[in-house]
Amino acid sequence: MKVLVLEPDARVSRGLERTLRVLGHEVLCPSSAAQARTTLEAEPAVDIILAAQHLEPGETGAGFLRWAEAHVPRARRVLISGTHCPPDFIEQPGLQWFQAKPFGRRELEALLSAPGPRAARP
């Protein structure tokens, strides 16, 4: 599975990347929302996107995931935050949901195994 992780905290990003690689996944870790957009435009075959809510100034994870929904609609999208789920973020079963931080390997494995649009196809 190909996973894009958009997390501005380098320590958290490295931890997620390391765990995902140990679990056997291919991981992309752009350093900004702009770089993530460029990455997804060049390589749209991403299965799941994990985006932190608090990104660089002028960018939010919810806003980035709205962009991703329009540009890589088959990718499942997870908003991660240690504070709260913003009121403008709409969960969509199997496609988009919120995950509170901190979370461990078990929760990460559950996020990756949640059925998505690809899994629903015959």
PDB file of N, CA and C in Angstrom:
ATOM      1  N   MET A   1       0.852  -1.167   0.000  1.00  0.00           N
ATOM      2  CA  MET A   1       0.000   0.000   0.000  1.00  0.00           C
ATOM      3  C   MET A   1       0.902   1.235   0.000  1.00  0.00           C
ATOM      4  N   LYS A   2       0.510   2.249  -0.765  1.00  0.00           N
ATOM      5  CA  LYS A   2       1.266   3.499  -0.823  1.00  0.00           C
ATOM      6  C   LYS A   2       0.575   4.520   0.070  1.00  0.00           C
ATOM      7  N   VAL A   3       1.337   5.097   1.016  1.00  0.00           N
ATOM      8  CA  VAL A   3       0.805   6.011   2.011  1.00  0.00           C
ATOM      9  C   VAL A   3       1.545   7.343   1.919  1.00  0.00           C
ATOM     10  N   LEU A   4       0.795   8.433   1.879  1.00  0.00           N
ATOM     11  CA  LEU A   4       1.384   9.767   1.945  1.00  0.00           C
ATOM     12  C   LEU A   4       1.132  10.297   3.346  1.00  0.00           C
ATOM     13  N   VAL A   5       2.199  10.734   4.004  1.00  0.00           N
ATOM     14  CA  VAL A   5       2.114  11.292   5.354  1.00  0.00           C
ATOM     15  C   VAL A   5       2.479  12.774   5.272  1.00  0.00           C
ATOM     16  N   LEU A   6       1.545  13.627   5.648  1.00  0.00           N
ATOM     17  CA  LEU A   6       1.778  15.072   5.678  1.00  0.00           C
ATOM     18  C   LEU A   6       1.705  15.511   7.138  1.00  0.00           C
ATOM     19  N   GLU A   7       2.864  15.576   7.762  1.00  0.00           N
ATOM     20  CA  GLU A   7       2.982  15.870   9.200  1.00  0.00           C
ATOM     21  C   GLU A   7       4.161  16.814   9.387  1.00  0.00           C
ATOM     22  N   PRO A   8       3.915  18.058   9.838  1.00  0.00           N
ATOM     23  CA  PRO A   8       5.003  19.027   9.960  1.00  0.00           C
ATOM     24  C   PRO A   8       5.986  18.739  11.094  1.00  0.00           C
ATOM     25  N   ASP A   9       5.575  18.005  12.103  1.00  0.00           N
ATOM     26  CA  ASP A   9       6.478  17.660  13.205  1.00  0.00           C
ATOM     27  C   ASP A   9       7.392  16.534  12.717  1.00  0.00           C
ATOM     28  N   ALA A  10       8.664  16.863  12.500  1.00  0.00           N
ATOM     29  CA  ALA A  10       9.615  15.904  11.922  1.00  0.00           C
ATOM     30  C   ALA A  10       9.712  14.622  12.744  1.00  0.00           C
ATOM     31  N   ARG A  11       9.643  14.732  14.052  1.00  0.00           N
ATOM     32  CA  ARG A  11       9.738  13.548  14.910  1.00  0.00           C
ATOM     33  C   ARG A  11       8.532  12.623  14.696  1.00  0.00           C
ATOM     34  N   VAL A  12       7.358  13.195  14.635  1.00  0.00           N
ATOM     35  CA  VAL A  12       6.142  12.413  14.412  1.00  0.00           C
ATOM     36  C   VAL A  12       6.162  11.815  13.004  1.00  0.00           C
ATOM     37  N   SER A  13       6.552  12.626  12.013  1.00  0.00           N
ATOM     38  CA  SER A  13       6.618  12.157  10.638  1.00  0.00           C
ATOM     39  C   SER A  13       7.580  10.974  10.500  1.00  0.00           C
ATOM     40  N   ARG A  14       8.765  11.091  11.097  1.00  0.00           N
ATOM     41  CA  ARG A  14       9.749   9.986  11.031  1.00  0.00           C
ATOM     42  C   ARG A  14       9.215   8.736  11.710  1.00  0.00           C
ATOM     43  N   GLY A  15       8.534   8.903  12.840  1.00  0.00           N
ATOM     44  CA  GLY A  15       7.965   7.759  13.544  1.00  0.00           C
ATOM     45  C   GLY A  15       6.904   7.050  12.717  1.00  0.00           C
ATOM     46  N   LEU A  16       6.015   7.835  12.100  1.00  0.00           N
ATOM     47  CA  LEU A  16       4.994   7.246  11.232  1.00  0.00           C
ATOM     48  C   LEU A  16       5.638   6.547  10.038  1.00  0.00           C
ATOM     49  N   GLU A  17       6.607   7.217   9.424  1.00  0.00           N
ATOM     50  CA  GLU A  17       7.289   6.622   8.267  1.00  0.00           C
ATOM     51  C   GLU A  17       7.956   5.300   8.644  1.00  0.00           C
ATOM     52  N   ARG A  18       8.663   5.292   9.745  1.00  0.00           N
ATOM     53  CA  ARG A  18       9.356   4.080  10.193  1.00  0.00           C
ATOM     54  C   ARG A  18       8.362   2.941  10.452  1.00  0.00           C
ATOM     55  N   THR A  19       7.293   3.235  11.172  1.00  0.00           N
ATOM     56  CA  THR A  19       6.290   2.207  11.482  1.00  0.00           C
ATOM     57  C   THR A  19       5.628   1.690  10.211  1.00  0.00           C
ATOM     58  N   LEU A  20       5.269   2.588   9.313  1.00  0.00           N
ATOM     59  CA  LEU A  20       4.624   2.175   8.067  1.00  0.00           C
ATOM     60  C   LEU A  20       5.548   1.302   7.223  1.00  0.00           C
ATOM     61  N   ARG A  21       6.831   1.653   7.165  1.00  0.00           N
ATOM     62  CA  ARG A  21       7.786   0.829   6.406  1.00  0.00           C
ATOM     63  C   ARG A  21       7.943  -0.552   7.039  1.00  0.00           C
ATOM     64  N   VAL A  22       8.003  -0.612   8.366  1.00  0.00           N
ATOM     65  CA  VAL A  22       8.086  -1.900   9.067  1.00  0.00           C
ATOM     66  C   VAL A  22       6.866  -2.757   8.740  1.00  0.00           C
ATOM     67  N   LEU A  23       5.720  -2.117   8.590  1.00  0.00           N
ATOM     68  CA  LEU A  23       4.491  -2.833   8.250  1.00  0.00           C
ATOM     69  C   LEU A  23       4.424  -3.210   6.769  1.00  0.00           C
ATOM     70  N   GLY A  24       5.447  -2.808   6.001  1.00  0.00           N
ATOM     71  CA  GLY A  24       5.544  -3.214   4.599  1.00  0.00           C
ATOM     72  C   GLY A  24       4.943  -2.266   3.584  1.00  0.00           C
ATOM     73  N   HIS A  25       4.728  -1.017   3.978  1.00  0.00           N
ATOM     74  CA  HIS A  25       4.102  -0.057   3.071  1.00  0.00           C
ATOM     75  C   HIS A  25       5.137   0.870   2.453  1.00  0.00           C
ATOM     76  N   GLU A  26       4.814   1.374   1.274  1.00  0.00           N
ATOM     77  CA  GLU A  26       5.616   2.402   0.625  1.00  0.00           C
ATOM     78  C   GLU A  26       5.140   3.741   1.180  1.00  0.00           C
ATOM     79  N   VAL A  27       6.074   4.612   1.575  1.00  0.00           N
ATOM     80  CA  VAL A  27       5.706   5.850   2.268  1.00  0.00           C
ATOM     81  C   VAL A  27       6.293   7.060   1.551  1.00  0.00           C
ATOM     82  N   LEU A  28       5.460   8.067   1.368  1.00  0.00           N
ATOM     83  CA  LEU A  28       5.874   9.363   0.843  1.00  0.00           C
ATOM     84  C   LEU A  28       5.692  10.375   1.965  1.00  0.00           C
ATOM     85  N   CYS A  29       6.731  11.174   2.240  1.00  0.00           N
ATOM     86  CA  CYS A  29       6.661  12.158   3.328  1.00  0.00           C
ATOM     87  C   CYS A  29       7.068  13.540   2.822  1.00  0.00           C
ATOM     88  N   PRO A  30       6.184  14.217   2.111  1.00  0.00           N
ATOM     89  CA  PRO A  30       6.513  15.579   1.677  1.00  0.00           C
ATOM     90  C   PRO A  30       6.644  16.490   2.887  1.00  0.00           C
ATOM     91  N   SER A  31       7.419  17.553   2.728  1.00  0.00           N
ATOM     92  CA  SER A  31       7.685  18.430   3.865  1.00  0.00           C
ATOM     93  C   SER A  31       6.700  19.588   3.996  1.00  0.00           C
ATOM     94  N   SER A  32       5.805  19.753   3.027  1.00  0.00           N
ATOM     95  CA  SER A  32       4.820  20.837   3.090  1.00  0.00           C
ATOM     96  C   SER A  32       3.587  20.448   2.286  1.00  0.00           C
ATOM     97  N   ALA A  33       2.517  21.200   2.466  1.00  0.00           N
ATOM     98  CA  ALA A  33       1.294  20.943   1.703  1.00  0.00           C
ATOM     99  C   ALA A  33       1.544  21.186   0.210  1.00  0.00           C
ATOM    100  N   ALA A  34       2.325  22.213  -0.119  1.00  0.00           N
ATOM    101  CA  ALA A  34       2.634  22.482  -1.531  1.00  0.00           C
ATOM    102  C   ALA A  34       3.398  21.310  -2.141  1.00  0.00           C
ATOM    103  N   GLN A  35       4.374  20.797  -1.410  1.00  0.00           N
ATOM    104  CA  GLN A  35       5.132  19.655  -1.911  1.00  0.00           C
ATOM    105  C   GLN A  35       4.236  18.414  -2.009  1.00  0.00           C
ATOM    106  N   ALA A  36       3.306  18.254  -1.083  1.00  0.00           N
ATOM    107  CA  ALA A  36       2.378  17.119  -1.127  1.00  0.00           C
ATOM    108  C   ALA A  36       1.489  17.209  -2.370  1.00  0.00           C
ATOM    109  N   ARG A  37       1.028  18.403  -2.700  1.00  0.00           N
ATOM    110  CA  ARG A  37       0.213  18.574  -3.908  1.00  0.00           C
ATOM    111  C   ARG A  37       1.015  18.202  -5.153  1.00  0.00           C
ATOM    112  N   THR A  38       2.249  18.670  -5.217  1.00  0.00           N
ATOM    113  CA  THR A  38       3.117  18.348  -6.349  1.00  0.00           C
ATOM    114  C   THR A  38       3.354  16.844  -6.430  1.00  0.00           C
ATOM    115  N   THR A  39       3.593  16.226  -5.295  1.00  0.00           N
ATOM    116  CA  THR A  39       3.815  14.775  -5.243  1.00  0.00           C
ATOM    117  C   THR A  39       2.587  14.029  -5.747  1.00  0.00           C
ATOM    118  N   LEU A  40       1.410  14.420  -5.282  1.00  0.00           N
ATOM    119  CA  LEU A  40       0.185  13.723  -5.686  1.00  0.00           C
ATOM    120  C   LEU A  40      -0.172  13.983  -7.149  1.00  0.00           C
ATOM    121  N   GLU A  41       0.154  15.145  -7.662  1.00  0.00           N
ATOM    122  CA  GLU A  41      -0.089  15.413  -9.081  1.00  0.00           C
ATOM    123  C   GLU A  41       0.813  14.541  -9.950  1.00  0.00           C
ATOM    124  N   ALA A  42       2.055  14.306  -9.501  1.00  0.00           N
ATOM    125  CA  ALA A  42       2.998  13.474 -10.246  1.00  0.00           C
ATOM    126  C   ALA A  42       2.768  11.989 -10.018  1.00  0.00           C
ATOM    127  N   GLU A  43       2.279  11.645  -8.856  1.00  0.00           N
ATOM    128  CA  GLU A  43       2.131  10.243  -8.460  1.00  0.00           C
ATOM    129  C   GLU A  43       0.792  10.045  -7.745  1.00  0.00           C
ATOM    130  N   PRO A  44      -0.326  10.064  -8.500  1.00  0.00           N
ATOM    131  CA  PRO A  44      -1.651  10.022  -7.867  1.00  0.00           C
ATOM    132  C   PRO A  44      -2.075   8.647  -7.337  1.00  0.00           C
ATOM    133  N   ALA A  45      -1.308   7.612  -7.581  1.00  0.00           N
ATOM    134  CA  ALA A  45      -1.696   6.261  -7.150  1.00  0.00           C
ATOM    135  C   ALA A  45      -1.363   6.026  -5.680  1.00  0.00           C
ATOM    136  N   VAL A  46      -1.872   6.911  -4.828  1.00  0.00           N
ATOM    137  CA  VAL A  46      -1.690   6.787  -3.385  1.00  0.00           C
ATOM    138  C   VAL A  46      -2.958   6.157  -2.816  1.00  0.00           C
ATOM    139  N   ASP A  47      -2.777   5.198  -1.918  1.00  0.00           N
ATOM    140  CA  ASP A  47      -3.930   4.497  -1.345  1.00  0.00           C
ATOM    141  C   ASP A  47      -4.552   5.248  -0.177  1.00  0.00           C
ATOM    142  N   ILE A  48      -3.698   5.879   0.633  1.00  0.00           N
ATOM    143  CA  ILE A  48      -4.209   6.565   1.822  1.00  0.00           C
ATOM    144  C   ILE A  48      -3.339   7.773   2.137  1.00  0.00           C
ATOM    145  N   ILE A  49      -3.970   8.837   2.596  1.00  0.00           N
ATOM    146  CA  ILE A  49      -3.278  10.070   2.970  1.00  0.00           C
ATOM    147  C   ILE A  49      -3.540  10.315   4.444  1.00  0.00           C
ATOM    148  N   LEU A  50      -2.468  10.501   5.208  1.00  0.00           N
ATOM    149  CA  LEU A  50      -2.556  10.893   6.611  1.00  0.00           C
ATOM    150  C   LEU A  50      -2.086  12.342   6.680  1.00  0.00           C
ATOM    151  N   ALA A  51      -2.964  13.249   7.048  1.00  0.00           N
ATOM    152  CA  ALA A  51      -2.617  14.675   7.080  1.00  0.00           C
ATOM    153  C   ALA A  51      -2.906  15.254   8.451  1.00  0.00           C
ATOM    154  N   ALA A  52      -1.897  15.897   9.023  1.00  0.00           N
ATOM    155  CA  ALA A  52      -2.079  16.596  10.293  1.00  0.00           C
ATOM    156  C   ALA A  52      -2.962  17.821  10.058  1.00  0.00           C
ATOM    157  N   GLN A  53      -3.768  18.168  11.032  1.00  0.00           N
ATOM    158  CA  GLN A  53      -4.628  19.346  10.912  1.00  0.00           C
ATOM    159  C   GLN A  53      -3.799  20.626  10.920  1.00  0.00           C
ATOM    160  N   HIS A  54      -2.790  20.682  11.771  1.00  0.00           N
ATOM    161  CA  HIS A  54      -1.990  21.896  11.923  1.00  0.00           C
ATOM    162  C   HIS A  54      -0.756  21.792  11.048  1.00  0.00           C
ATOM    163  N   LEU A  55      -0.795  22.501   9.904  1.00  0.00           N
ATOM    164  CA  LEU A  55       0.308  22.505   8.953  1.00  0.00           C
ATOM    165  C   LEU A  55       0.989  23.866   9.015  1.00  0.00           C
ATOM    166  N   GLU A  56       1.612  24.271   7.934  1.00  0.00           N
ATOM    167  CA  GLU A  56       2.269  25.574   7.910  1.00  0.00           C
ATOM    168  C   GLU A  56       1.222  26.693   7.858  1.00  0.00           C
ATOM    169  N   PRO A  57       1.632  27.945   8.138  1.00  0.00           N
ATOM    170  CA  PRO A  57       0.671  29.061   8.111  1.00  0.00           C
ATOM    171  C   PRO A  57      -0.106  29.104   6.791  1.00  0.00           C
ATOM    172  N   GLY A  58      -1.421  29.280   6.924  1.00  0.00           N
ATOM    173  CA  GLY A  58      -2.271  29.353   5.750  1.00  0.00           C
ATOM    174  C   GLY A  58      -2.750  28.003   5.235  1.00  0.00           C
ATOM    175  N   GLU A  59      -2.313  26.927   5.868  1.00  0.00           N
ATOM    176  CA  GLU A  59      -2.689  25.580   5.437  1.00  0.00           C
ATOM    177  C   GLU A  59      -3.226  24.781   6.617  1.00  0.00           C
ATOM    178  N   THR A  60      -4.293  24.044   6.357  1.00  0.00           N
ATOM    179  CA  THR A  60      -4.806  23.112   7.363  1.00  0.00           C
ATOM    180  C   THR A  60      -4.922  21.736   6.723  1.00  0.00           C
ATOM    181  N   GLY A  61      -4.903  20.723   7.550  1.00  0.00           N
ATOM    182  CA  GLY A  61      -5.084  19.373   7.046  1.00  0.00           C
ATOM    183  C   GLY A  61      -6.445  19.192   6.408  1.00  0.00           C
ATOM    184  N   ALA A  62      -7.492  19.770   7.021  1.00  0.00           N
ATOM    185  CA  ALA A  62      -8.843  19.653   6.451  1.00  0.00           C
ATOM    186  C   ALA A  62      -8.889  20.287   5.062  1.00  0.00           C
ATOM    187  N   GLY A  63      -8.267  21.430   4.903  1.00  0.00           N
ATOM    188  CA  GLY A  63      -8.221  22.083   3.590  1.00  0.00           C
ATOM    189  C   GLY A  63      -7.436  21.264   2.581  1.00  0.00           C
ATOM    190  N   PHE A  64      -6.315  20.717   3.010  1.00  0.00           N
ATOM    191  CA  PHE A  64      -5.521  19.878   2.119  1.00  0.00           C
ATOM    192  C   PHE A  64      -6.321  18.647   1.692  1.00  0.00           C
ATOM    193  N   LEU A  65      -7.039  18.035   2.622  1.00  0.00           N
ATOM    194  CA  LEU A  65      -7.812  16.837   2.280  1.00  0.00           C
ATOM    195  C   LEU A  65      -8.981  17.158   1.351  1.00  0.00           C
ATOM    196  N   ARG A  66      -9.531  18.370   1.430  1.00  0.00           N
ATOM    197  CA  ARG A  66     -10.556  18.782   0.458  1.00  0.00           C
ATOM    198  C   ARG A  66      -9.938  18.832  -0.939  1.00  0.00           C
ATOM    199  N   TRP A  67      -8.725  19.390  -1.026  1.00  0.00           N
ATOM    200  CA  TRP A  67      -8.012  19.422  -2.305  1.00  0.00           C
ATOM    201  C   TRP A  67      -7.754  17.990  -2.783  1.00  0.00           C
ATOM    202  N   ALA A  68      -7.295  17.129  -1.893  1.00  0.00           N
ATOM    203  CA  ALA A  68      -6.989  15.738  -2.256  1.00  0.00           C
ATOM    204  C   ALA A  68      -8.234  15.000  -2.736  1.00  0.00           C
ATOM    205  N   GLU A  69      -9.368  15.271  -2.115  1.00  0.00           N
ATOM    206  CA  GLU A  69     -10.619  14.623  -2.533  1.00  0.00           C
ATOM    207  C   GLU A  69     -10.918  14.924  -4.000  1.00  0.00           C
ATOM    208  N   ALA A  70     -10.654  16.146  -4.421  1.00  0.00           N
ATOM    209  CA  ALA A  70     -10.915  16.546  -5.805  1.00  0.00           C
ATOM    210  C   ALA A  70      -9.855  16.016  -6.775  1.00  0.00           C
ATOM    211  N   HIS A  71      -8.623  15.856  -6.308  1.00  0.00           N
ATOM    212  CA  HIS A  71      -7.521  15.507  -7.213  1.00  0.00           C
ATOM    213  C   HIS A  71      -7.105  14.037  -7.171  1.00  0.00           C
ATOM    214  N   VAL A  72      -7.297  13.370  -6.066  1.00  0.00           N
ATOM    215  CA  VAL A  72      -6.996  11.929  -5.944  1.00  0.00           C
ATOM    216  C   VAL A  72      -8.177  11.267  -5.222  1.00  0.00           C
ATOM    217  N   PRO A  73      -9.342  11.245  -5.871  1.00  0.00           N
ATOM    218  CA  PRO A  73     -10.570  10.825  -5.199  1.00  0.00           C
ATOM    219  C   PRO A  73     -10.574   9.381  -4.703  1.00  0.00           C
ATOM    220  N   ARG A  74      -9.742   8.510  -5.246  1.00  0.00           N
ATOM    221  CA  ARG A  74      -9.728   7.117  -4.807  1.00  0.00           C
ATOM    222  C   ARG A  74      -8.902   6.926  -3.543  1.00  0.00           C
ATOM    223  N   ALA A  75      -8.107   7.906  -3.176  1.00  0.00           N
ATOM    224  CA  ALA A  75      -7.290   7.791  -1.962  1.00  0.00           C
ATOM    225  C   ALA A  75      -8.168   7.980  -0.729  1.00  0.00           C
ATOM    226  N   ARG A  76      -7.985   7.111   0.248  1.00  0.00           N
ATOM    227  CA  ARG A  76      -8.661   7.313   1.526  1.00  0.00           C
ATOM    228  C   ARG A  76      -7.914   8.410   2.263  1.00  0.00           C
ATOM    229  N   ARG A  77      -8.640   9.180   3.079  1.00  0.00           N
ATOM    230  CA  ARG A  77      -8.070  10.365   3.712  1.00  0.00           C
ATOM    231  C   ARG A  77      -8.323  10.349   5.207  1.00  0.00           C
ATOM    232  N   VAL A  78      -7.240  10.589   5.960  1.00  0.00           N
ATOM    233  CA  VAL A  78      -7.345  10.600   7.420  1.00  0.00           C
ATOM    234  C   VAL A  78      -6.771  11.911   7.930  1.00  0.00           C
ATOM    235  N   LEU A  79      -7.573  12.648   8.678  1.00  0.00           N
ATOM    236  CA  LEU A  79      -7.121  13.868   9.338  1.00  0.00           C
ATOM    237  C   LEU A  79      -6.656  13.483  10.734  1.00  0.00           C
ATOM    238  N   ILE A  80      -5.439  13.868  11.093  1.00  0.00           N
ATOM    239  CA  ILE A  80      -4.916  13.545  12.422  1.00  0.00           C
ATOM    240  C   ILE A  80      -4.645  14.839  13.185  1.00  0.00           C
ATOM    241  N   SER A  81      -5.015  14.840  14.468  1.00  0.00           N
ATOM    242  CA  SER A  81      -4.820  16.035  15.280  1.00  0.00           C
ATOM    243  C   SER A  81      -4.773  15.657  16.750  1.00  0.00           C
ATOM    244  N   GLY A  82      -3.947  16.373  17.477  1.00  0.00           N
ATOM    245  CA  GLY A  82      -3.867  16.183  18.918  1.00  0.00           C
ATOM    246  C   GLY A  82      -4.792  17.108  19.679  1.00  0.00           C
ATOM    247  N   THR A  83      -5.529  17.947  18.970  1.00  0.00           N
ATOM    248  CA  THR A  83      -6.413  18.882  19.651  1.00  0.00           C
ATOM    249  C   THR A  83      -7.882  18.529  19.470  1.00  0.00           C
ATOM    250  N   HIS A  84      -8.382  18.611  18.253  1.00  0.00           N
ATOM    251  CA  HIS A  84      -9.805  18.358  18.019  1.00  0.00           C
ATOM    252  C   HIS A  84     -10.058  18.129  16.536  1.00  0.00           C
ATOM    253  N   CYS A  85     -11.232  17.644  16.246  1.00  0.00           N
ATOM    254  CA  CYS A  85     -11.684  17.523  14.864  1.00  0.00           C
ATOM    255  C   CYS A  85     -12.403  18.829  14.516  1.00  0.00           C
ATOM    256  N   PRO A  86     -11.936  19.535  13.503  1.00  0.00           N
ATOM    257  CA  PRO A  86     -12.576  20.813  13.173  1.00  0.00           C
ATOM    258  C   PRO A  86     -14.021  20.612  12.711  1.00  0.00           C
ATOM    259  N   PRO A  87     -14.897  21.579  13.007  1.00  0.00           N
ATOM    260  CA  PRO A  87     -16.312  21.427  12.663  1.00  0.00           C
ATOM    261  C   PRO A  87     -16.577  21.355  11.162  1.00  0.00           C
ATOM    262  N   ASP A  88     -15.663  21.871  10.333  1.00  0.00           N
ATOM    263  CA  ASP A  88     -15.883  21.837   8.882  1.00  0.00           C
ATOM    264  C   ASP A  88     -15.389  20.545   8.236  1.00  0.00           C
ATOM    265  N   PHE A  89     -14.853  19.625   9.042  1.00  0.00           N
ATOM    266  CA  PHE A  89     -14.364  18.352   8.504  1.00  0.00           C
ATOM    267  C   PHE A  89     -15.495  17.334   8.525  1.00  0.00           C
ATOM    268  N   ILE A  90     -15.810  16.792   7.369  1.00  0.00           N
ATOM    269  CA  ILE A  90     -16.918  15.843   7.254  1.00  0.00           C
ATOM    270  C   ILE A  90     -16.365  14.440   7.041  1.00  0.00           C
ATOM    271  N   GLU A  91     -16.666  13.559   7.994  1.00  0.00           N
ATOM    272  CA  GLU A  91     -16.248  12.172   7.846  1.00  0.00           C
ATOM    273  C   GLU A  91     -17.136  11.487   6.818  1.00  0.00           C
ATOM    274  N   GLN A  92     -16.524  10.604   6.031  1.00  0.00           N
ATOM    275  CA  GLN A  92     -17.226   9.841   5.013  1.00  0.00           C
ATOM    276  C   GLN A  92     -16.820   8.381   5.186  1.00  0.00           C
ATOM    277  N   PRO A  93     -17.716   7.522   5.640  1.00  0.00           N
ATOM    278  CA  PRO A  93     -17.348   6.128   5.912  1.00  0.00           C
ATOM    279  C   PRO A  93     -16.596   5.485   4.745  1.00  0.00           C
ATOM    280  N   GLY A  94     -15.448   4.905   5.089  1.00  0.00           N
ATOM    281  CA  GLY A  94     -14.635   4.229   4.093  1.00  0.00           C
ATOM    282  C   GLY A  94     -13.758   5.131   3.254  1.00  0.00           C
ATOM    283  N   LEU A  95     -13.967   6.445   3.332  1.00  0.00           N
ATOM    284  CA  LEU A  95     -13.195   7.383   2.513  1.00  0.00           C
ATOM    285  C   LEU A  95     -12.425   8.419   3.314  1.00  0.00           C
ATOM    286  N   GLN A  96     -13.035   8.959   4.342  1.00  0.00           N
ATOM    287  CA  GLN A  96     -12.416  10.067   5.070  1.00  0.00           C
ATOM    288  C   GLN A  96     -12.859  10.032   6.526  1.00  0.00           C
ATOM    289  N   TRP A  97     -11.885  10.103   7.418  1.00  0.00           N
ATOM    290  CA  TRP A  97     -12.221  10.107   8.828  1.00  0.00           C
ATOM    291  C   TRP A  97     -11.144  10.808   9.638  1.00  0.00           C
ATOM    292  N   PHE A  98     -11.454  11.005  10.929  1.00  0.00           N
ATOM    293  CA  PHE A  98     -10.587  11.705  11.873  1.00  0.00           C
ATOM    294  C   PHE A  98      -9.949  10.690  12.811  1.00  0.00           C
ATOM    295  N   GLN A  99      -8.660  10.909  13.125  1.00  0.00           N
ATOM    296  CA  GLN A  99      -7.951  10.078  14.106  1.00  0.00           C
ATOM    297  C   GLN A  99      -7.251  11.009  15.094  1.00  0.00           C
ATOM    298  N   ALA A 100      -7.596  10.858  16.369  1.00  0.00           N
ATOM    299  CA  ALA A 100      -6.963  11.680  17.404  1.00  0.00           C
ATOM    300  C   ALA A 100      -5.541  11.202  17.665  1.00  0.00           C
ATOM    301  N   LYS A 101      -4.648  12.168  17.913  1.00  0.00           N
ATOM    302  CA  LYS A 101      -3.278  11.872  18.334  1.00  0.00           C
ATOM    303  C   LYS A 101      -3.258  11.918  19.856  1.00  0.00           C
ATOM    304  N   PRO A 102      -2.396  11.221  20.501  1.00  0.00           N
ATOM    305  CA  PRO A 102      -1.457  10.259  19.921  1.00  0.00           C
ATOM    306  C   PRO A 102      -2.166   8.944  19.620  1.00  0.00           C
ATOM    307  N   PHE A 103      -1.600   8.214  18.682  1.00  0.00           N
ATOM    308  CA  PHE A 103      -2.096   6.879  18.395  1.00  0.00           C
ATOM    309  C   PHE A 103      -0.895   5.985  18.154  1.00  0.00           C
ATOM    310  N   GLY A 104      -1.084   4.708  18.390  1.00  0.00           N
ATOM    311  CA  GLY A 104       0.009   3.756  18.283  1.00  0.00           C
ATOM    312  C   GLY A 104      -0.103   2.858  17.070  1.00  0.00           C
ATOM    313  N   ARG A 105       0.732   1.863  17.061  1.00  0.00           N
ATOM    314  CA  ARG A 105       0.806   0.941  15.931  1.00  0.00           C
ATOM    315  C   ARG A 105      -0.538   0.247  15.682  1.00  0.00           C
ATOM    316  N   ARG A 106      -1.223  -0.142  16.741  1.00  0.00           N
ATOM    317  CA  ARG A 106      -2.508  -0.832  16.581  1.00  0.00           C
ATOM    318  C   ARG A 106      -3.532   0.051  15.860  1.00  0.00           C
ATOM    319  N   GLU A 107      -3.617   1.306  16.282  1.00  0.00           N
ATOM    320  CA  GLU A 107      -4.547   2.230  15.637  1.00  0.00           C
ATOM    321  C   GLU A 107      -4.137   2.491  14.180  1.00  0.00           C
ATOM    322  N   LEU A 108      -2.827   2.588  13.950  1.00  0.00           N
ATOM    323  CA  LEU A 108      -2.330   2.810  12.594  1.00  0.00           C
ATOM    324  C   LEU A 108      -2.690   1.620  11.698  1.00  0.00           C
ATOM    325  N   GLU A 109      -2.506   0.419  12.210  1.00  0.00           N
ATOM    326  CA  GLU A 109      -2.879  -0.777  11.436  1.00  0.00           C
ATOM    327  C   GLU A 109      -4.378  -0.786  11.143  1.00  0.00           C
ATOM    328  N   ALA A 110      -5.193  -0.358  12.103  1.00  0.00           N
ATOM    329  CA  ALA A 110      -6.646  -0.298  11.889  1.00  0.00           C
ATOM    330  C   ALA A 110      -6.990   0.729  10.810  1.00  0.00           C
ATOM    331  N   LEU A 111      -6.302   1.880  10.815  1.00  0.00           N
ATOM    332  CA  LEU A 111      -6.536   2.888   9.775  1.00  0.00           C
ATOM    333  C   LEU A 111      -6.249   2.313   8.397  1.00  0.00           C
ATOM    334  N   LEU A 112      -5.161   1.579   8.294  1.00  0.00           N
ATOM    335  CA  LEU A 112      -4.750   1.036   7.000  1.00  0.00           C
ATOM    336  C   LEU A 112      -5.635  -0.101   6.536  1.00  0.00           C
ATOM    337  N   SER A 113      -6.230  -0.813   7.463  1.00  0.00           N
ATOM    338  CA  SER A 113      -7.045  -1.962   7.076  1.00  0.00           C
ATOM    339  C   SER A 113      -8.524  -1.615   6.909  1.00  0.00           C
ATOM    340  N   ALA A 114      -8.904  -0.374   7.240  1.00  0.00           N
ATOM    341  CA  ALA A 114     -10.298   0.030   7.074  1.00  0.00           C
ATOM    342  C   ALA A 114     -10.675  -0.092   5.603  1.00  0.00           C
ATOM    343  N   PRO A 115     -11.839  -0.654   5.313  1.00  0.00           N
ATOM    344  CA  PRO A 115     -12.226  -0.823   3.911  1.00  0.00           C
ATOM    345  C   PRO A 115     -12.411   0.514   3.234  1.00  0.00           C
ATOM    346  N   GLY A 116     -11.904   0.607   2.043  1.00  0.00           N
ATOM    347  CA  GLY A 116     -12.031   1.812   1.249  1.00  0.00           C
ATOM    348  C   GLY A 116     -12.661   1.487  -0.087  1.00  0.00           C
ATOM    349  N   PRO A 117     -12.665   2.424  -1.004  1.00  0.00           N
ATOM    350  CA  PRO A 117     -13.321   2.202  -2.286  1.00  0.00           C
ATOM    351  C   PRO A 117     -12.677   1.081  -3.092  1.00  0.00           C
ATOM    352  N   ARG A 118     -11.360   0.902  -2.990  1.00  0.00           N
ATOM    353  CA  ARG A 118     -10.710  -0.184  -3.734  1.00  0.00           C
ATOM    354  C   ARG A 118     -11.109  -1.531  -3.189  1.00  0.00           C
ATOM    355  N   ALA A 119     -11.214  -1.616  -1.868  1.00  0.00           N
ATOM    356  CA  ALA A 119     -11.573  -2.883  -1.242  1.00  0.00           C
ATOM    357  C   ALA A 119     -13.017  -3.251  -1.543  1.00  0.00           C
ATOM    358  N   ALA A 120     -13.848  -2.276  -1.816  1.00  0.00           N
ATOM    359  CA  ALA A 120     -15.268  -2.537  -2.045  1.00  0.00           C
ATOM    360  C   ALA A 120     -15.537  -3.061  -3.452  1.00  0.00           C
ATOM    361  N   ARG A 121     -14.581  -2.881  -4.370  1.00  0.00           N
ATOM    362  CA  ARG A 121     -14.796  -3.348  -5.741  1.00  0.00           C
ATOM    363  C   ARG A 121     -14.673  -4.855  -5.806  1.00  0.00           C
ATOM    364  N   PRO A 122     -15.440  -5.522  -6.694  1.00  0.00           N
ATOM    365  CA  PRO A 122     -15.324  -6.982  -6.819  1.00  0.00           C
ATOM    366  C   PRO A 122     -14.015  -7.375  -7.455  1.00  0.00           C
TER     367      PRO A 122
END
